Amino acid sequence: MMMPMGLLDKEVADVMNYISNSWSNTNTNMVTVDDVVKVIK
């Protein structure tokens, strides 16, 4: 089991969206808080 990162679900979604749209990446499907919650469970 992995230890919690100490980030809120919104912060995780923000980081995922930043990575998905940086360094010449383009992603039109934004990660939502609901998506993060589904993965965590």
N, C-alpha and C. Protein backbone atom coordinates (compact mmCIF):
# COMPACT_ATOMS: atom_id res chain seq x y z
N MET A 1 0.85 -1.17 0.00
CA MET A 1 0.00 0.00 0.00
C MET A 1 0.89 1.23 0.00
N MET A 2 0.52 2.20 -0.81
CA MET A 2 1.28 3.43 -0.92
C MET A 2 0.82 4.45 0.11
N MET A 3 1.76 5.15 0.70
CA MET A 3 1.43 6.20 1.68
C MET A 3 0.75 7.36 0.96
N PRO A 4 -0.18 8.03 1.61
CA PRO A 4 -0.83 9.20 1.00
C PRO A 4 0.19 10.28 0.65
N MET A 5 -0.03 10.96 -0.45
CA MET A 5 0.89 12.01 -0.90
C MET A 5 0.69 13.32 -0.15
N GLY A 6 -0.42 13.45 0.55
CA GLY A 6 -0.69 14.69 1.25
C GLY A 6 -1.29 15.76 0.36
N LEU A 7 -1.83 15.37 -0.80
CA LEU A 7 -2.46 16.31 -1.72
C LEU A 7 -3.96 16.13 -1.70
N LEU A 8 -4.66 17.23 -1.89
CA LEU A 8 -6.11 17.16 -2.03
C LEU A 8 -6.44 16.60 -3.41
N ASP A 9 -7.64 16.07 -3.56
CA ASP A 9 -8.05 15.51 -4.85
C ASP A 9 -7.97 16.56 -5.96
N LYS A 10 -8.34 17.80 -5.66
CA LYS A 10 -8.26 18.87 -6.67
C LYS A 10 -6.81 19.14 -7.06
N GLU A 11 -5.91 19.08 -6.10
CA GLU A 11 -4.49 19.31 -6.41
C GLU A 11 -3.94 18.21 -7.31
N VAL A 12 -4.36 16.97 -7.06
CA VAL A 12 -3.92 15.86 -7.91
C VAL A 12 -4.44 16.07 -9.33
N ALA A 13 -5.71 16.45 -9.47
CA ALA A 13 -6.28 16.71 -10.79
C ALA A 13 -5.53 17.85 -11.49
N ASP A 14 -5.20 18.90 -10.74
CA ASP A 14 -4.46 20.03 -11.32
C ASP A 14 -3.10 19.59 -11.83
N VAL A 15 -2.39 18.79 -11.05
CA VAL A 15 -1.07 18.30 -11.47
C VAL A 15 -1.18 17.44 -12.72
N MET A 16 -2.17 16.56 -12.74
CA MET A 16 -2.35 15.69 -13.91
C MET A 16 -2.66 16.51 -15.16
N ASN A 17 -3.49 17.54 -15.02
CA ASN A 17 -3.82 18.40 -16.16
C ASN A 17 -2.60 19.21 -16.60
N TYR A 18 -1.80 19.65 -15.65
CA TYR A 18 -0.58 20.40 -16.00
C TYR A 18 0.37 19.52 -16.80
N ILE A 19 0.59 18.30 -16.32
CA ILE A 19 1.49 17.38 -17.01
C ILE A 19 0.94 17.03 -18.39
N SER A 20 -0.36 16.84 -18.46
CA SER A 20 -0.99 16.45 -19.74
C SER A 20 -0.95 17.55 -20.78
N ASN A 21 -0.68 18.79 -20.35
CA ASN A 21 -0.70 19.91 -21.29
C ASN A 21 0.61 20.70 -21.29
N SER A 22 1.68 20.10 -20.82
CA SER A 22 2.99 20.75 -20.81
C SER A 22 3.97 19.96 -21.67
N TRP A 23 5.10 20.58 -21.94
CA TRP A 23 6.18 19.92 -22.67
C TRP A 23 5.69 19.36 -24.02
N SER A 24 4.98 20.17 -24.74
CA SER A 24 4.45 19.84 -26.07
C SER A 24 3.34 18.79 -26.04
N ASN A 25 2.86 18.45 -24.87
CA ASN A 25 1.71 17.54 -24.77
C ASN A 25 0.44 18.36 -24.93
N THR A 26 -0.54 17.78 -25.59
CA THR A 26 -1.86 18.42 -25.67
C THR A 26 -2.92 17.36 -25.39
N ASN A 27 -3.74 17.63 -24.44
CA ASN A 27 -4.79 16.70 -24.05
C ASN A 27 -6.08 17.48 -23.88
N THR A 28 -7.09 17.15 -24.65
CA THR A 28 -8.36 17.85 -24.56
C THR A 28 -9.26 17.27 -23.46
N ASN A 29 -8.94 16.09 -22.97
CA ASN A 29 -9.72 15.47 -21.90
C ASN A 29 -9.11 15.85 -20.55
N MET A 30 -9.76 16.78 -19.87
CA MET A 30 -9.25 17.25 -18.60
C MET A 30 -9.60 16.24 -17.49
N VAL A 31 -8.68 16.07 -16.55
CA VAL A 31 -8.90 15.20 -15.40
C VAL A 31 -9.73 15.99 -14.39
N THR A 32 -10.79 15.38 -13.90
CA THR A 32 -11.65 16.05 -12.92
C THR A 32 -11.41 15.45 -11.54
N VAL A 33 -11.93 16.12 -10.54
CA VAL A 33 -11.84 15.61 -9.17
C VAL A 33 -12.54 14.26 -9.08
N ASP A 34 -13.66 14.10 -9.77
CA ASP A 34 -14.37 12.83 -9.78
C ASP A 34 -13.51 11.70 -10.35
N ASP A 35 -12.72 12.00 -11.39
CA ASP A 35 -11.83 11.00 -11.97
C ASP A 35 -10.78 10.56 -10.93
N VAL A 36 -10.25 11.51 -10.19
CA VAL A 36 -9.24 11.20 -9.16
C VAL A 36 -9.85 10.33 -8.07
N VAL A 37 -11.05 10.67 -7.64
CA VAL A 37 -11.71 9.90 -6.57
C VAL A 37 -11.96 8.47 -7.03
N LYS A 38 -12.36 8.28 -8.27
CA LYS A 38 -12.60 6.93 -8.80
C LYS A 38 -11.33 6.09 -8.77
N VAL A 39 -10.20 6.69 -9.11
CA VAL A 39 -8.92 5.96 -9.13
C VAL A 39 -8.46 5.63 -7.71
N ILE A 40 -8.67 6.55 -6.80
CA ILE A 40 -8.23 6.33 -5.41
C ILE A 40 -9.00 5.17 -4.79
N LYS A 41 -10.29 5.05 -5.10
CA LYS A 41 -11.09 3.96 -4.53
C LYS A 41 -10.78 2.74 -5.26
